[in-house]
Amino acid sequence: MKTILVPTDLRPSTEVALSVAADIAKIYNASIILLHSVVYPAQSVAYSGTISVTTDTMIKDFYDAEREAEKAMQLLIAQKKYQNVNIKIELITNGDGMVSDITRQAADLIVMTSQGASGLEELLFGSNAEVIVRHAHCPVLIVKEAIERFQPQNIVCAIDTDDRLKTIHHYPFQMGERGLQKFLYVFTPTDGKVAEGIHQWMSDFARAKGITEYELILRTAKTVQEGIIAYAEETNADLIVLFTHGYKGLRHLLSGSVAEDVLNHSRIPVLVMRV
């Protein structure tokens, strides 16, 4: 763990993600990049079909936007609780957009907040967090609410029976004192698998990952995401670990993503690992 990326749109909720990132950085002596993609004032044209022209006023607005963003970020990291944390400010001004700017960064972990999405908004657009999860090349930790100290111990790892999960994953931070030990499989009405098969798969998975002690919980729910969230809330879990295939385009539209559904609706922190 060397670099933690914290994207910000300068909303107050940035404090939630930065505080968690700082807790992790202190343990691993990692540096934090606080990243903001500057949104410039939109150019306008007088008549349809005319060419937009950059004026002196617009240039001033561009510089003002940069200065205001940098000032807000400097005030944020100047707080006493971040004095012993290596936090670097990075302003992106290429106009490519936040998602592209975030996923291009070399980082070991992305920590961000999300307000989630629901209903038609979730179906058509999703949240910023789920778009980043879909494209990120490193684990993404999504935190919804302020945490006094991020040090998860009661962790739930939701699994399916994809054999690709058996390959070695390097978790970005310590999964409790003894590593991951609580695994959850959720049956749905259309799931044709049997409990014996899940237990056998889990045994093989544990062997491949070097896990000697574990608990496998089997649950039944209408949907996988509902089962995961319900179990995590019932057991007062402090972290949900999920894996995603990162499907994009039509395949994502048709199949969806359990990880994205969970991060949209769970109030518990969610760590998403790419398969």
C-alpha atoms as a PDB file:
ATOM      1  CA  MET A   1       0.000   0.000   0.000  1.00  0.00           C
ATOM      2  CA  LYS A   2       1.716   3.138  -1.237  1.00  0.00           C
ATOM      3  CA  THR A   3      -0.901   5.446  -2.713  1.00  0.00           C
ATOM      4  CA  ILE A   4      -4.528   6.108  -1.777  1.00  0.00           C
ATOM      5  CA  LEU A   5      -6.652   8.199  -4.114  1.00  0.00           C
ATOM      6  CA  VAL A   6      -9.491  10.303  -2.723  1.00  0.00           C
ATOM      7  CA  PRO A   7     -11.563  11.992  -5.437  1.00  0.00           C
ATOM      8  CA  THR A   8     -13.523  15.061  -4.404  1.00  0.00           C
ATOM      9  CA  ASP A   9     -16.171  17.299  -5.919  1.00  0.00           C
ATOM     10  CA  LEU A  10     -15.534  19.698  -2.992  1.00  0.00           C
ATOM     11  CA  ARG A  11     -18.745  18.793  -1.205  1.00  0.00           C
ATOM     12  CA  PRO A  12     -18.604  18.477   2.614  1.00  0.00           C
ATOM     13  CA  SER A  13     -18.927  14.677   2.268  1.00  0.00           C
ATOM     14  CA  THR A  14     -15.286  14.604   1.089  1.00  0.00           C
ATOM     15  CA  GLU A  15     -14.371  14.756   4.770  1.00  0.00           C
ATOM     16  CA  VAL A  16     -15.908  11.298   5.268  1.00  0.00           C
ATOM     17  CA  ALA A  17     -13.681   9.667   2.650  1.00  0.00           C
ATOM     18  CA  LEU A  18     -10.530  11.613   3.505  1.00  0.00           C
ATOM     19  CA  SER A  19     -10.804  10.728   7.193  1.00  0.00           C
ATOM     20  CA  VAL A  20     -11.041   7.007   6.383  1.00  0.00           C
ATOM     21  CA  ALA A  21      -8.170   7.272   3.898  1.00  0.00           C
ATOM     22  CA  ALA A  22      -6.064   8.977   6.567  1.00  0.00           C
ATOM     23  CA  ASP A  23      -6.740   6.144   9.043  1.00  0.00           C
ATOM     24  CA  ILE A  24      -5.484   3.632   6.478  1.00  0.00           C
ATOM     25  CA  ALA A  25      -2.534   5.793   5.403  1.00  0.00           C
ATOM     26  CA  LYS A  26      -1.274   6.116   8.988  1.00  0.00           C
ATOM     27  CA  ILE A  27      -1.102   2.338   9.374  1.00  0.00           C
ATOM     28  CA  TYR A  28       0.718   1.687   6.103  1.00  0.00           C
ATOM     29  CA  ASN A  29       2.694   4.938   5.868  1.00  0.00           C
ATOM     30  CA  ALA A  30       0.963   5.568   2.554  1.00  0.00           C
ATOM     31  CA  SER A  31       0.473   8.874   0.772  1.00  0.00           C
ATOM     32  CA  ILE A  32      -2.910  10.287  -0.217  1.00  0.00           C
ATOM     33  CA  ILE A  33      -3.749  12.071  -3.454  1.00  0.00           C
ATOM     34  CA  LEU A  34      -6.723  14.382  -3.030  1.00  0.00           C
ATOM     35  CA  LEU A  35      -7.966  14.729  -6.591  1.00  0.00           C
ATOM     36  CA  HIS A  36     -10.343  17.286  -8.025  1.00  0.00           C
ATOM     37  CA  SER A  37     -11.335  17.605 -11.664  1.00  0.00           C
ATOM     38  CA  VAL A  38     -11.981  21.298 -12.221  1.00  0.00           C
ATOM     39  CA  VAL A  39     -15.317  22.058 -13.842  1.00  0.00           C
ATOM     40  CA  TYR A  40     -15.001  25.200 -15.884  1.00  0.00           C
ATOM     41  CA  PRO A  41     -17.857  27.582 -16.706  1.00  0.00           C
ATOM     42  CA  ALA A  42     -19.555  26.460 -19.908  1.00  0.00           C
ATOM     43  CA  GLN A  43     -18.924  28.398 -23.080  1.00  0.00           C
ATOM     44  CA  SER A  44     -21.993  29.848 -24.720  1.00  0.00           C
ATOM     45  CA  VAL A  45     -22.848  31.018 -28.204  1.00  0.00           C
ATOM     46  CA  ALA A  46     -25.164  33.808 -29.263  1.00  0.00           C
ATOM     47  CA  TYR A  47     -26.804  31.982 -32.157  1.00  0.00           C
ATOM     48  CA  SER A  48     -27.204  28.386 -33.241  1.00  0.00           C
ATOM     49  CA  GLY A  49     -24.393  27.310 -35.548  1.00  0.00           C
ATOM     50  CA  THR A  50     -21.972  30.059 -34.521  1.00  0.00           C
ATOM     51  CA  ILE A  51     -18.504  29.292 -33.166  1.00  0.00           C
ATOM     52  CA  SER A  52     -17.927  29.681 -29.438  1.00  0.00           C
ATOM     53  CA  VAL A  53     -15.276  32.250 -28.567  1.00  0.00           C
ATOM     54  CA  THR A  54     -13.126  32.309 -25.458  1.00  0.00           C
ATOM     55  CA  THR A  55     -13.266  35.773 -23.944  1.00  0.00           C
ATOM     56  CA  ASP A  56     -11.139  37.484 -21.309  1.00  0.00           C
ATOM     57  CA  THR A  57     -14.027  37.071 -18.879  1.00  0.00           C
ATOM     58  CA  MET A  58     -14.150  33.333 -19.513  1.00  0.00           C
ATOM     59  CA  ILE A  59     -10.387  33.000 -18.993  1.00  0.00           C
ATOM     60  CA  LYS A  60     -10.753  34.839 -15.686  1.00  0.00           C
ATOM     61  CA  ASP A  61     -13.567  32.462 -14.723  1.00  0.00           C
ATOM     62  CA  PHE A  62     -11.303  29.507 -15.552  1.00  0.00           C
ATOM     63  CA  TYR A  63      -8.545  30.763 -13.265  1.00  0.00           C
ATOM     64  CA  ASP A  64     -11.033  31.648 -10.537  1.00  0.00           C
ATOM     65  CA  ALA A  65     -12.425  28.099 -10.625  1.00  0.00           C
ATOM     66  CA  GLU A  66      -8.935  26.658 -10.170  1.00  0.00           C
ATOM     67  CA  ARG A  67      -8.042  29.027  -7.340  1.00  0.00           C
ATOM     68  CA  GLU A  68     -11.289  28.398  -5.479  1.00  0.00           C
ATOM     69  CA  ALA A  69     -10.864  24.640  -5.787  1.00  0.00           C
ATOM     70  CA  GLU A  70      -7.273  24.733  -4.555  1.00  0.00           C
ATOM     71  CA  LYS A  71      -8.209  27.000  -1.655  1.00  0.00           C
ATOM     72  CA  ALA A  72     -10.998  24.655  -0.552  1.00  0.00           C
ATOM     73  CA  MET A  73      -8.679  21.629  -0.714  1.00  0.00           C
ATOM     74  CA  GLN A  74      -5.897  23.401   1.215  1.00  0.00           C
ATOM     75  CA  LEU A  75      -8.337  24.320   3.972  1.00  0.00           C
ATOM     76  CA  LEU A  76      -9.492  20.711   4.153  1.00  0.00           C
ATOM     77  CA  ILE A  77      -6.054  19.139   4.555  1.00  0.00           C
ATOM     78  CA  ALA A  78      -4.860  21.867   6.942  1.00  0.00           C
ATOM     79  CA  GLN A  79      -6.921  20.377   9.757  1.00  0.00           C
ATOM     80  CA  LYS A  80      -4.966  19.191  12.764  1.00  0.00           C
ATOM     81  CA  LYS A  81      -5.968  15.551  12.353  1.00  0.00           C
ATOM     82  CA  TYR A  82      -4.185  15.408   8.979  1.00  0.00           C
ATOM     83  CA  GLN A  83      -0.912  16.983  10.127  1.00  0.00           C
ATOM     84  CA  ASN A  84       0.997  13.696  10.190  1.00  0.00           C
ATOM     85  CA  VAL A  85      -0.466  12.381   6.941  1.00  0.00           C
ATOM     86  CA  ASN A  86       1.191  12.888   3.568  1.00  0.00           C
ATOM     87  CA  ILE A  87      -1.618  14.406   1.471  1.00  0.00           C
ATOM     88  CA  LYS A  88      -0.952  15.797  -1.983  1.00  0.00           C
ATOM     89  CA  ILE A  89      -3.415  18.003  -3.825  1.00  0.00           C
ATOM     90  CA  GLU A  90      -3.928  17.378  -7.516  1.00  0.00           C
ATOM     91  CA  LEU A  91      -6.086  19.547  -9.753  1.00  0.00           C
ATOM     92  CA  ILE A  92      -6.981  18.086 -13.131  1.00  0.00           C
ATOM     93  CA  THR A  93      -7.746  20.671 -15.789  1.00  0.00           C
ATOM     94  CA  ASN A  94      -7.845  18.578 -18.954  1.00  0.00           C
ATOM     95  CA  GLY A  95     -11.632  18.658 -19.228  1.00  0.00           C
ATOM     96  CA  ASP A  96     -11.898  14.868 -19.624  1.00  0.00           C
ATOM     97  CA  GLY A  97     -14.200  14.459 -16.627  1.00  0.00           C
ATOM     98  CA  MET A  98     -13.865  13.015 -13.143  1.00  0.00           C
ATOM     99  CA  VAL A  99     -14.305   9.324 -13.995  1.00  0.00           C
ATOM    100  CA  SER A 100     -11.608   9.362 -16.652  1.00  0.00           C
ATOM    101  CA  ASP A 101      -9.267  11.387 -14.440  1.00  0.00           C
ATOM    102  CA  ILE A 102      -9.723   9.019 -11.487  1.00  0.00           C
ATOM    103  CA  THR A 103      -9.284   5.747 -13.336  1.00  0.00           C
ATOM    104  CA  ARG A 104      -6.087   6.955 -15.038  1.00  0.00           C
ATOM    105  CA  GLN A 105      -4.349   7.502 -11.707  1.00  0.00           C
ATOM    106  CA  ALA A 106      -1.821   4.975 -10.394  1.00  0.00           C
ATOM    107  CA  ALA A 107      -3.219   4.025  -6.994  1.00  0.00           C
ATOM    108  CA  ASP A 108      -3.443   1.005  -4.714  1.00  0.00           C
ATOM    109  CA  LEU A 109      -6.847   1.998  -3.364  1.00  0.00           C
ATOM    110  CA  ILE A 110      -9.577   4.511  -4.148  1.00  0.00           C
ATOM    111  CA  VAL A 111     -11.604   5.805  -1.193  1.00  0.00           C
ATOM    112  CA  MET A 112     -14.731   7.777  -1.955  1.00  0.00           C
ATOM    113  CA  THR A 113     -18.168   8.694  -0.703  1.00  0.00           C
ATOM    114  CA  SER A 114     -21.444   8.115  -2.480  1.00  0.00           C
ATOM    115  CA  GLN A 115     -25.007   9.205  -1.969  1.00  0.00           C
ATOM    116  CA  GLY A 116     -26.134   6.146  -3.914  1.00  0.00           C
ATOM    117  CA  ALA A 117     -28.824   6.043  -6.567  1.00  0.00           C
ATOM    118  CA  SER A 118     -32.290   4.570  -6.755  1.00  0.00           C
ATOM    119  CA  GLY A 119     -35.281   4.147  -9.001  1.00  0.00           C
ATOM    120  CA  LEU A 120     -35.072   5.440 -12.559  1.00  0.00           C
ATOM    121  CA  GLU A 121     -31.845   7.311 -11.825  1.00  0.00           C
ATOM    122  CA  GLU A 122     -30.133   4.061 -10.848  1.00  0.00           C
ATOM    123  CA  LEU A 123     -31.463   2.235 -13.926  1.00  0.00           C
ATOM    124  CA  LEU A 124     -30.438   4.893 -16.429  1.00  0.00           C
ATOM    125  CA  PHE A 125     -27.381   6.547 -14.927  1.00  0.00           C
ATOM    126  CA  GLY A 126     -26.281   4.934 -11.677  1.00  0.00           C
ATOM    127  CA  SER A 127     -24.127   6.711  -9.117  1.00  0.00           C
ATOM    128  CA  ASN A 128     -20.668   8.157  -9.700  1.00  0.00           C
ATOM    129  CA  ALA A 129     -19.288   5.493  -7.389  1.00  0.00           C
ATOM    130  CA  GLU A 130     -20.597   2.581  -9.427  1.00  0.00           C
ATOM    131  CA  VAL A 131     -19.239   4.070 -12.665  1.00  0.00           C
ATOM    132  CA  ILE A 132     -15.803   4.352 -11.065  1.00  0.00           C
ATOM    133  CA  VAL A 133     -16.034   0.804  -9.689  1.00  0.00           C
ATOM    134  CA  ARG A 134     -16.822  -0.392 -13.212  1.00  0.00           C
ATOM    135  CA  HIS A 135     -13.684   1.203 -14.648  1.00  0.00           C
ATOM    136  CA  ALA A 136     -11.162   1.249 -11.786  1.00  0.00           C
ATOM    137  CA  HIS A 137      -8.053  -0.920 -11.968  1.00  0.00           C
ATOM    138  CA  CYS A 138      -7.614  -1.086  -8.187  1.00  0.00           C
ATOM    139  CA  PRO A 139      -9.918  -1.816  -5.226  1.00  0.00           C
ATOM    140  CA  VAL A 140     -12.513   0.843  -4.396  1.00  0.00           C
ATOM    141  CA  LEU A 141     -13.728   1.538  -0.861  1.00  0.00           C
ATOM    142  CA  ILE A 142     -17.077   3.334  -0.678  1.00  0.00           C
ATOM    143  CA  VAL A 143     -18.024   5.004   2.601  1.00  0.00           C
ATOM    144  CA  LYS A 144     -21.451   6.543   3.150  1.00  0.00           C
ATOM    145  CA  GLU A 145     -21.266   7.894   6.698  1.00  0.00           C
ATOM    146  CA  ALA A 146     -18.620   9.367   8.996  1.00  0.00           C
ATOM    147  CA  ILE A 147     -16.553   6.785  10.897  1.00  0.00           C
ATOM    148  CA  GLU A 148     -14.693   7.758  14.048  1.00  0.00           C
ATOM    149  CA  ARG A 149     -11.890   5.322  13.293  1.00  0.00           C
ATOM    150  CA  PHE A 150     -11.768   2.962  10.341  1.00  0.00           C
ATOM    151  CA  GLN A 151     -10.502  -0.359  11.643  1.00  0.00           C
ATOM    152  CA  PRO A 152     -12.947  -3.052  10.439  1.00  0.00           C
ATOM    153  CA  GLN A 153     -13.149  -6.289  12.402  1.00  0.00           C
ATOM    154  CA  ASN A 154     -16.639  -7.660  11.725  1.00  0.00           C
ATOM    155  CA  ILE A 155     -16.240  -8.166   7.972  1.00  0.00           C
ATOM    156  CA  VAL A 156     -18.606  -9.995   5.645  1.00  0.00           C
ATOM    157  CA  CYS A 157     -17.260 -11.251   2.322  1.00  0.00           C
ATOM    158  CA  ALA A 158     -19.999 -12.092  -0.173  1.00  0.00           C
ATOM    159  CA  ILE A 159     -19.115 -14.767  -2.717  1.00  0.00           C
ATOM    160  CA  ASP A 160     -20.465 -16.494  -5.777  1.00  0.00           C
ATOM    161  CA  THR A 161     -18.939 -19.683  -7.184  1.00  0.00           C
ATOM    162  CA  ASP A 162     -16.795 -18.117  -9.890  1.00  0.00           C
ATOM    163  CA  ASP A 163     -13.498 -20.028  -9.913  1.00  0.00           C
ATOM    164  CA  ARG A 164     -11.667 -16.823 -10.804  1.00  0.00           C
ATOM    165  CA  LEU A 165     -12.101 -15.782  -7.170  1.00  0.00           C
ATOM    166  CA  LYS A 166      -9.646 -18.537  -6.247  1.00  0.00           C
ATOM    167  CA  THR A 167      -6.743 -16.648  -7.759  1.00  0.00           C
ATOM    168  CA  ILE A 168      -4.680 -14.743  -5.224  1.00  0.00           C
ATOM    169  CA  HIS A 169      -5.946 -11.252  -4.442  1.00  0.00           C
ATOM    170  CA  HIS A 170      -3.858  -8.806  -2.488  1.00  0.00           C
ATOM    171  CA  TYR A 171      -6.247  -6.914  -0.259  1.00  0.00           C
ATOM    172  CA  PRO A 172      -5.385  -3.224   0.070  1.00  0.00           C
ATOM    173  CA  PHE A 173      -5.475  -3.295   3.872  1.00  0.00           C
ATOM    174  CA  GLN A 174      -5.669  -5.799   6.700  1.00  0.00           C
ATOM    175  CA  MET A 175      -9.008  -7.602   6.844  1.00  0.00           C
ATOM    176  CA  GLY A 176      -9.369  -7.687  10.617  1.00  0.00           C
ATOM    177  CA  GLU A 177      -6.878  -9.259  12.996  1.00  0.00           C
ATOM    178  CA  ARG A 178      -7.120 -12.733  11.452  1.00  0.00           C
ATOM    179  CA  GLY A 179      -8.052 -11.899   7.879  1.00  0.00           C
ATOM    180  CA  LEU A 180     -11.340 -12.729   6.162  1.00  0.00           C
ATOM    181  CA  GLN A 181     -13.221 -15.410   8.067  1.00  0.00           C
ATOM    182  CA  LYS A 182     -16.921 -14.786   7.438  1.00  0.00           C
ATOM    183  CA  PHE A 183     -18.218 -15.663   3.963  1.00  0.00           C
ATOM    184  CA  LEU A 184     -21.775 -15.279   2.719  1.00  0.00           C
ATOM    185  CA  TYR A 185     -23.567 -16.973  -0.145  1.00  0.00           C
ATOM    186  CA  VAL A 186     -27.115 -15.862  -0.986  1.00  0.00           C
ATOM    187  CA  PHE A 187     -29.543 -18.216  -2.735  1.00  0.00           C
ATOM    188  CA  THR A 188     -32.271 -16.658  -4.875  1.00  0.00           C
ATOM    189  CA  PRO A 189     -35.457 -18.325  -6.220  1.00  0.00           C
ATOM    190  CA  THR A 190     -33.783 -18.865  -9.611  1.00  0.00           C
ATOM    191  CA  ASP A 191     -30.522 -20.254  -8.185  1.00  0.00           C
ATOM    192  CA  GLY A 192     -30.178 -23.937  -9.069  1.00  0.00           C
ATOM    193  CA  LYS A 193     -27.129 -24.611  -6.909  1.00  0.00           C
ATOM    194  CA  VAL A 194     -27.265 -26.836  -3.823  1.00  0.00           C
ATOM    195  CA  ALA A 195     -25.783 -26.252  -0.384  1.00  0.00           C
ATOM    196  CA  GLU A 196     -23.348 -29.165  -0.652  1.00  0.00           C
ATOM    197  CA  GLY A 197     -21.870 -27.691  -3.814  1.00  0.00           C
ATOM    198  CA  ILE A 198     -21.421 -24.288  -2.198  1.00  0.00           C
ATOM    199  CA  HIS A 199     -19.663 -25.843   0.805  1.00  0.00           C
ATOM    200  CA  GLN A 200     -17.319 -27.774  -1.488  1.00  0.00           C
ATOM    201  CA  TRP A 201     -16.540 -24.663  -3.533  1.00  0.00           C
ATOM    202  CA  MET A 202     -15.852 -22.714  -0.353  1.00  0.00           C
ATOM    203  CA  SER A 203     -13.519 -25.441   0.890  1.00  0.00           C
ATOM    204  CA  ASP A 204     -11.561 -25.259  -2.366  1.00  0.00           C
ATOM    205  CA  PHE A 205     -11.549 -21.461  -2.216  1.00  0.00           C
ATOM    206  CA  ALA A 206     -10.227 -21.439   1.358  1.00  0.00           C
ATOM    207  CA  ARG A 207      -7.489 -23.891   0.422  1.00  0.00           C
ATOM    208  CA  ALA A 208      -6.439 -21.763  -2.555  1.00  0.00           C
ATOM    209  CA  LYS A 209      -6.360 -18.614  -0.413  1.00  0.00           C
ATOM    210  CA  GLY A 210      -4.607 -20.224   2.556  1.00  0.00           C
ATOM    211  CA  ILE A 211      -7.579 -19.707   4.878  1.00  0.00           C
ATOM    212  CA  THR A 212      -7.570 -22.258   7.712  1.00  0.00           C
ATOM    213  CA  GLU A 213     -10.557 -21.049   9.744  1.00  0.00           C
ATOM    214  CA  TYR A 214     -13.750 -19.658   8.295  1.00  0.00           C
ATOM    215  CA  GLU A 215     -17.515 -19.548   8.611  1.00  0.00           C
ATOM    216  CA  LEU A 216     -19.771 -20.004   5.584  1.00  0.00           C
ATOM    217  CA  ILE A 217     -23.234 -18.528   5.915  1.00  0.00           C
ATOM    218  CA  LEU A 218     -25.966 -19.568   3.486  1.00  0.00           C
ATOM    219  CA  ARG A 219     -28.930 -17.248   3.141  1.00  0.00           C
ATOM    220  CA  THR A 220     -32.046 -17.135   0.955  1.00  0.00           C
ATOM    221  CA  ALA A 221     -33.399 -13.847  -0.364  1.00  0.00           C
ATOM    222  CA  LYS A 222     -35.362 -12.392  -3.250  1.00  0.00           C
ATOM    223  CA  THR A 223     -32.170 -10.915  -4.706  1.00  0.00           C
ATOM    224  CA  VAL A 224     -28.501 -11.401  -3.889  1.00  0.00           C
ATOM    225  CA  GLN A 225     -27.988  -7.740  -3.028  1.00  0.00           C
ATOM    226  CA  GLU A 226     -30.941  -7.712  -0.623  1.00  0.00           C
ATOM    227  CA  GLY A 227     -29.595 -10.807   1.111  1.00  0.00           C
ATOM    228  CA  ILE A 228     -26.117  -9.309   1.491  1.00  0.00           C
ATOM    229  CA  ILE A 229     -27.325  -6.007   2.917  1.00  0.00           C
ATOM    230  CA  ALA A 230     -29.851  -7.666   5.257  1.00  0.00           C
ATOM    231  CA  TYR A 231     -27.269 -10.052   6.701  1.00  0.00           C
ATOM    232  CA  ALA A 232     -24.645  -7.329   7.115  1.00  0.00           C
ATOM    233  CA  GLU A 233     -27.112  -5.110   8.966  1.00  0.00           C
ATOM    234  CA  GLU A 234     -28.400  -7.938  11.181  1.00  0.00           C
ATOM    235  CA  THR A 235     -24.869  -8.847  12.283  1.00  0.00           C
ATOM    236  CA  ASN A 236     -23.671  -5.227  12.649  1.00  0.00           C
ATOM    237  CA  ALA A 237     -20.929  -5.752  10.078  1.00  0.00           C
ATOM    238  CA  ASP A 238     -18.486  -2.862   9.705  1.00  0.00           C
ATOM    239  CA  LEU A 239     -17.351  -3.753   6.176  1.00  0.00           C
ATOM    240  CA  ILE A 240     -18.770  -5.645   3.193  1.00  0.00           C
ATOM    241  CA  VAL A 241     -16.250  -7.121   0.749  1.00  0.00           C
ATOM    242  CA  LEU A 242     -17.461  -7.848  -2.770  1.00  0.00           C
ATOM    243  CA  PHE A 243     -15.989  -8.858  -6.099  1.00  0.00           C
ATOM    244  CA  THR A 244     -16.989  -7.418  -9.462  1.00  0.00           C
ATOM    245  CA  HIS A 245     -16.372  -8.400 -13.059  1.00  0.00           C
ATOM    246  CA  GLY A 246     -16.536  -4.777 -14.185  1.00  0.00           C
ATOM    247  CA  TYR A 247     -18.943  -5.407 -17.060  1.00  0.00           C
ATOM    248  CA  LYS A 248     -19.572  -2.417 -19.313  1.00  0.00           C
ATOM    249  CA  GLY A 249     -21.895  -1.523 -22.165  1.00  0.00           C
ATOM    250  CA  LEU A 250     -24.764  -3.792 -23.180  1.00  0.00           C
ATOM    251  CA  ARG A 251     -23.552  -6.715 -21.071  1.00  0.00           C
ATOM    252  CA  HIS A 252     -23.691  -4.550 -17.955  1.00  0.00           C
ATOM    253  CA  LEU A 253     -27.132  -3.205 -18.888  1.00  0.00           C
ATOM    254  CA  LEU A 254     -28.517  -6.721 -19.283  1.00  0.00           C
ATOM    255  CA  SER A 255     -26.793  -8.475 -16.375  1.00  0.00           C
ATOM    256  CA  GLY A 256     -26.323  -5.614 -13.923  1.00  0.00           C
ATOM    257  CA  SER A 257     -23.933  -5.834 -11.007  1.00  0.00           C
ATOM    258  CA  VAL A 258     -24.541  -7.082  -7.482  1.00  0.00           C
ATOM    259  CA  ALA A 259     -21.578  -5.025  -6.246  1.00  0.00           C
ATOM    260  CA  GLU A 260     -23.006  -1.811  -7.680  1.00  0.00           C
ATOM    261  CA  ASP A 261     -26.465  -2.524  -6.270  1.00  0.00           C
ATOM    262  CA  VAL A 262     -25.007  -3.127  -2.813  1.00  0.00           C
ATOM    263  CA  LEU A 263     -22.852   0.005  -2.786  1.00  0.00           C
ATOM    264  CA  ASN A 264     -25.849   2.076  -3.899  1.00  0.00           C
ATOM    265  CA  HIS A 265     -28.107   0.891  -1.085  1.00  0.00           C
ATOM    266  CA  SER A 266     -25.885  -0.118   1.839  1.00  0.00           C
ATOM    267  CA  ARG A 267     -25.017   2.301   4.630  1.00  0.00           C
ATOM    268  CA  ILE A 268     -22.163  -0.013   5.637  1.00  0.00           C
ATOM    269  CA  PRO A 269     -18.763   0.613   3.976  1.00  0.00           C
ATOM    270  CA  VAL A 270     -18.235  -1.531   0.876  1.00  0.00           C
ATOM    271  CA  LEU A 271     -14.883  -2.652  -0.523  1.00  0.00           C
ATOM    272  CA  VAL A 272     -15.136  -3.726  -4.157  1.00  0.00           C
ATOM    273  CA  MET A 273     -12.373  -5.903  -5.622  1.00  0.00           C
ATOM    274  CA  ARG A 274     -12.018  -6.459  -9.364  1.00  0.00           C
ATOM    275  CA  VAL A 275     -11.986 -10.106 -10.541  1.00  0.00           C
END
